[in-house]
Amino acid sequence: MSKILEKSLKDARKENKLTMGSKEVLNSVNNSKLIVLSQSVDKTMLEKIESDAMGRLCGLQFRISTISFTAIDEGNIKSILKDTETEEKNV
């Protein structure tokens, strides 16, 4: 997981600026700036989220399949996406 993503998650949790859980995220898609999905999210939920948030898709120590940031710096979003693309190319 990207260091910027880890820091952003910790900061957002402290400030209560994220939504956790598939159903909650699906209900808050319009207010989300970034949506992060684990690889374990089921296909049906993925399709629902993709249909509502095309182009906005992008870990904690417990199992959560979906989270969304309600506030995050645009520069951090770009860095997270760039880091994710780099990690995918290296796999």
N, C-alpha and C. Protein backbone atom coordinates (compact mmCIF):
# COMPACT_ATOMS: atom_id res chain seq x y z
N MET A 1 0.85 -1.18 0.00
CA MET A 1 0.00 0.00 0.00
C MET A 1 0.89 1.23 0.00
N SER A 2 0.52 2.22 -0.74
CA SER A 2 1.28 3.46 -0.86
C SER A 2 1.35 4.19 0.49
N LYS A 3 2.51 4.78 0.76
CA LYS A 3 2.71 5.53 2.01
C LYS A 3 1.74 6.71 2.09
N ILE A 4 1.50 7.36 0.96
CA ILE A 4 0.58 8.50 0.94
C ILE A 4 -0.83 8.03 1.26
N LEU A 5 -1.22 6.88 0.73
CA LEU A 5 -2.54 6.33 1.03
C LEU A 5 -2.65 6.00 2.51
N GLU A 6 -1.62 5.36 3.08
CA GLU A 6 -1.64 5.03 4.51
C GLU A 6 -1.79 6.29 5.36
N LYS A 7 -1.02 7.33 5.06
CA LYS A 7 -1.09 8.57 5.82
C LYS A 7 -2.45 9.23 5.65
N SER A 8 -2.97 9.23 4.43
CA SER A 8 -4.28 9.83 4.17
C SER A 8 -5.37 9.09 4.93
N LEU A 9 -5.27 7.76 5.00
CA LEU A 9 -6.25 6.97 5.75
C LEU A 9 -6.22 7.32 7.24
N LYS A 10 -5.02 7.38 7.80
CA LYS A 10 -4.88 7.70 9.22
C LYS A 10 -5.44 9.09 9.52
N ASP A 11 -5.07 10.06 8.68
CA ASP A 11 -5.55 11.43 8.88
C ASP A 11 -7.07 11.52 8.75
N ALA A 12 -7.62 10.86 7.74
CA ALA A 12 -9.07 10.90 7.52
C ALA A 12 -9.82 10.23 8.66
N ARG A 13 -9.27 9.15 9.20
CA ARG A 13 -9.91 8.49 10.36
C ARG A 13 -9.92 9.40 11.57
N LYS A 14 -8.79 10.07 11.83
CA LYS A 14 -8.70 10.97 12.98
C LYS A 14 -9.72 12.10 12.86
N GLU A 15 -9.90 12.60 11.65
CA GLU A 15 -10.79 13.73 11.41
C GLU A 15 -12.21 13.30 11.06
N ASN A 16 -12.48 12.00 11.10
CA ASN A 16 -13.80 11.46 10.77
C ASN A 16 -14.25 11.91 9.38
N LYS A 17 -13.35 11.78 8.42
CA LYS A 17 -13.59 12.23 7.06
C LYS A 17 -13.62 11.09 6.05
N LEU A 18 -14.01 9.89 6.50
CA LEU A 18 -14.15 8.79 5.56
C LEU A 18 -15.37 7.96 5.89
N THR A 19 -15.82 7.26 4.89
CA THR A 19 -16.99 6.39 5.01
C THR A 19 -16.50 4.97 4.80
N MET A 20 -16.93 4.04 5.65
CA MET A 20 -16.48 2.66 5.54
C MET A 20 -17.66 1.72 5.34
N GLY A 21 -17.44 0.72 4.52
CA GLY A 21 -18.46 -0.29 4.26
C GLY A 21 -19.11 -0.07 2.91
N SER A 22 -19.36 -1.15 2.22
CA SER A 22 -19.89 -1.08 0.85
C SER A 22 -21.19 -0.31 0.74
N LYS A 23 -22.16 -0.63 1.58
CA LYS A 23 -23.46 0.03 1.49
C LYS A 23 -23.36 1.51 1.82
N GLU A 24 -22.57 1.85 2.85
CA GLU A 24 -22.40 3.25 3.23
C GLU A 24 -21.71 4.04 2.12
N VAL A 25 -20.67 3.44 1.52
CA VAL A 25 -19.96 4.11 0.44
C VAL A 25 -20.88 4.31 -0.76
N LEU A 26 -21.66 3.31 -1.09
CA LEU A 26 -22.58 3.41 -2.22
C LEU A 26 -23.56 4.56 -2.00
N ASN A 27 -24.00 4.76 -0.75
CA ASN A 27 -24.92 5.86 -0.44
C ASN A 27 -24.23 7.22 -0.43
N SER A 28 -22.90 7.25 -0.31
CA SER A 28 -22.20 8.53 -0.22
C SER A 28 -21.32 8.82 -1.45
N VAL A 29 -21.53 8.10 -2.53
CA VAL A 29 -20.70 8.26 -3.72
C VAL A 29 -20.66 9.71 -4.21
N ASN A 30 -21.79 10.38 -4.20
CA ASN A 30 -21.84 11.75 -4.71
C ASN A 30 -21.00 12.71 -3.89
N ASN A 31 -20.77 12.41 -2.61
CA ASN A 31 -19.97 13.28 -1.74
C ASN A 31 -18.52 12.82 -1.63
N SER A 32 -18.15 11.78 -2.35
CA SER A 32 -16.81 11.20 -2.25
C SER A 32 -15.86 11.84 -3.25
N LYS A 33 -14.61 12.01 -2.80
CA LYS A 33 -13.57 12.49 -3.70
C LYS A 33 -12.72 11.34 -4.22
N LEU A 34 -12.63 10.27 -3.45
CA LEU A 34 -11.83 9.11 -3.82
C LEU A 34 -12.47 7.88 -3.21
N ILE A 35 -12.57 6.81 -3.97
CA ILE A 35 -13.11 5.55 -3.48
C ILE A 35 -12.02 4.50 -3.65
N VAL A 36 -11.74 3.76 -2.57
CA VAL A 36 -10.72 2.73 -2.59
C VAL A 36 -11.40 1.39 -2.34
N LEU A 37 -11.15 0.43 -3.22
CA LEU A 37 -11.76 -0.89 -3.10
C LEU A 37 -10.68 -1.94 -2.87
N SER A 38 -10.98 -2.89 -2.01
CA SER A 38 -10.05 -4.00 -1.83
C SER A 38 -10.29 -5.00 -2.97
N GLN A 39 -9.38 -5.91 -3.14
CA GLN A 39 -9.53 -6.92 -4.18
C GLN A 39 -10.65 -7.89 -3.85
N SER A 40 -11.10 -7.90 -2.58
CA SER A 40 -12.13 -8.85 -2.17
C SER A 40 -13.56 -8.34 -2.35
N VAL A 41 -13.73 -7.10 -2.81
CA VAL A 41 -15.08 -6.59 -3.01
C VAL A 41 -15.78 -7.44 -4.07
N ASP A 42 -17.04 -7.79 -3.80
CA ASP A 42 -17.71 -8.68 -4.75
C ASP A 42 -18.09 -7.96 -6.03
N LYS A 43 -18.26 -8.74 -7.09
CA LYS A 43 -18.47 -8.19 -8.43
C LYS A 43 -19.73 -7.34 -8.52
N THR A 44 -20.79 -7.76 -7.85
CA THR A 44 -22.05 -7.01 -7.88
C THR A 44 -21.86 -5.62 -7.28
N MET A 45 -21.20 -5.55 -6.12
CA MET A 45 -20.96 -4.26 -5.47
C MET A 45 -20.03 -3.41 -6.33
N LEU A 46 -19.02 -4.02 -6.91
CA LEU A 46 -18.10 -3.30 -7.79
C LEU A 46 -18.86 -2.66 -8.95
N GLU A 47 -19.75 -3.42 -9.55
CA GLU A 47 -20.52 -2.90 -10.68
C GLU A 47 -21.42 -1.75 -10.24
N LYS A 48 -22.02 -1.86 -9.06
CA LYS A 48 -22.87 -0.77 -8.55
C LYS A 48 -22.05 0.49 -8.33
N ILE A 49 -20.88 0.34 -7.71
CA ILE A 49 -20.03 1.50 -7.44
C ILE A 49 -19.51 2.08 -8.74
N GLU A 50 -19.08 1.23 -9.66
CA GLU A 50 -18.57 1.72 -10.94
C GLU A 50 -19.64 2.50 -11.70
N SER A 51 -20.88 2.02 -11.64
CA SER A 51 -21.93 2.71 -12.38
C SER A 51 -22.22 4.08 -11.79
N ASP A 52 -21.99 4.26 -10.50
CA ASP A 52 -22.22 5.54 -9.85
C ASP A 52 -20.98 6.42 -9.80
N ALA A 53 -19.82 5.83 -9.93
CA ALA A 53 -18.59 6.60 -9.72
C ALA A 53 -17.51 6.28 -10.76
N MET A 54 -17.90 6.14 -11.99
CA MET A 54 -16.93 5.83 -13.04
C MET A 54 -15.80 6.85 -13.04
N GLY A 55 -14.59 6.38 -13.08
CA GLY A 55 -13.45 7.28 -13.09
C GLY A 55 -12.99 7.72 -11.71
N ARG A 56 -13.74 7.41 -10.63
CA ARG A 56 -13.36 7.83 -9.29
C ARG A 56 -12.90 6.65 -8.44
N LEU A 57 -12.79 5.48 -9.09
CA LEU A 57 -12.38 4.30 -8.33
C LEU A 57 -10.87 4.29 -8.08
N CYS A 58 -10.50 3.90 -7.25
CA CYS A 58 -9.06 3.69 -7.06
C CYS A 58 -8.81 2.29 -6.55
N GLY A 59 -7.05 -0.22 3.20
CA GLY A 59 -6.48 -1.09 4.08
C GLY A 59 -6.44 -0.69 5.50
N LEU A 60 -6.89 -1.03 6.06
CA LEU A 60 -6.81 -0.89 7.50
C LEU A 60 -6.44 -2.24 8.08
N GLN A 61 -6.34 -2.34 9.36
CA GLN A 61 -5.93 -3.59 9.97
C GLN A 61 -7.10 -4.53 10.19
N PHE A 62 -8.25 -4.18 9.79
CA PHE A 62 -9.40 -5.07 9.87
C PHE A 62 -10.08 -5.09 8.51
N ARG A 63 -10.95 -6.03 8.30
CA ARG A 63 -11.53 -6.29 6.99
C ARG A 63 -12.57 -5.23 6.62
N ILE A 64 -12.28 -4.49 5.59
CA ILE A 64 -13.21 -3.53 5.00
C ILE A 64 -13.04 -3.64 3.50
N SER A 65 -14.11 -3.85 2.79
CA SER A 65 -13.98 -4.03 1.34
C SER A 65 -14.00 -2.70 0.60
N THR A 66 -14.56 -1.66 1.21
CA THR A 66 -14.70 -0.39 0.51
C THR A 66 -14.59 0.77 1.48
N ILE A 67 -13.87 1.82 1.08
CA ILE A 67 -13.81 3.05 1.86
C ILE A 67 -13.88 4.23 0.90
N SER A 68 -14.32 5.37 1.40
CA SER A 68 -14.28 6.58 0.57
C SER A 68 -13.84 7.76 1.42
N PHE A 69 -13.06 8.62 0.83
CA PHE A 69 -12.63 9.85 1.50
C PHE A 69 -13.66 10.93 1.21
N THR A 70 -14.14 11.59 2.24
CA THR A 70 -15.04 12.72 2.03
C THR A 70 -14.25 14.02 1.94
N ALA A 71 -12.98 13.97 2.34
CA ALA A 71 -12.09 15.12 2.19
C ALA A 71 -10.67 14.61 2.03
N ILE A 72 -10.01 15.01 0.94
CA ILE A 72 -8.61 14.65 0.69
C ILE A 72 -8.05 15.64 -0.32
N ASP A 73 -6.82 16.01 -0.15
CA ASP A 73 -6.15 16.95 -1.03
C ASP A 73 -6.02 16.38 -2.43
N GLU A 74 -6.30 17.18 -3.44
CA GLU A 74 -6.23 16.72 -4.83
C GLU A 74 -4.83 16.21 -5.19
N GLY A 75 -3.80 16.85 -4.64
CA GLY A 75 -2.44 16.41 -4.89
C GLY A 75 -2.20 15.00 -4.36
N ASN A 76 -2.79 14.69 -3.20
CA ASN A 76 -2.66 13.35 -2.65
C ASN A 76 -3.37 12.33 -3.52
N ILE A 77 -4.52 12.69 -4.05
CA ILE A 77 -5.24 11.78 -4.94
C ILE A 77 -4.37 11.43 -6.14
N LYS A 78 -3.78 12.45 -6.75
CA LYS A 78 -2.93 12.21 -7.92
C LYS A 78 -1.73 11.34 -7.58
N SER A 79 -1.12 11.59 -6.42
CA SER A 79 0.03 10.80 -6.00
C SER A 79 -0.35 9.35 -5.72
N ILE A 80 -1.51 9.14 -5.08
CA ILE A 80 -1.98 7.79 -4.79
C ILE A 80 -2.21 7.03 -6.09
N LEU A 81 -2.87 7.67 -7.03
CA LEU A 81 -3.14 7.01 -8.31
C LEU A 81 -1.84 6.69 -9.05
N LYS A 82 -0.89 7.61 -9.02
CA LYS A 82 0.39 7.38 -9.68
C LYS A 82 1.13 6.23 -9.02
N ASP A 83 1.15 6.20 -7.66
CA ASP A 83 1.81 5.11 -6.94
C ASP A 83 1.14 3.77 -7.24
N THR A 84 -0.18 3.76 -7.31
CA THR A 84 -0.92 2.52 -7.58
C THR A 84 -0.59 2.00 -8.97
N GLU A 85 -0.52 2.90 -9.94
CA GLU A 85 -0.19 2.49 -11.31
C GLU A 85 1.23 1.91 -11.36
N THR A 86 2.15 2.53 -10.64
CA THR A 86 3.53 2.05 -10.60
C THR A 86 3.61 0.68 -9.97
N GLU A 87 2.90 0.48 -8.85
CA GLU A 87 2.89 -0.81 -8.18
C GLU A 87 2.31 -1.90 -9.07
N GLU A 88 1.25 -1.58 -9.81
CA GLU A 88 0.63 -2.56 -10.70
C GLU A 88 1.58 -2.96 -11.82
N LYS A 89 2.36 -2.03 -12.32
CA LYS A 89 3.31 -2.33 -13.38
C LYS A 89 4.45 -3.22 -12.88
N ASN A 90 4.79 -3.07 -11.59
CA ASN A 90 5.90 -3.84 -11.01
C ASN A 90 5.49 -5.24 -10.58
N VAL A 91 4.20 -5.54 -10.60
CA VAL A 91 3.73 -6.86 -10.14
C VAL A 91 3.82 -7.88 -11.23
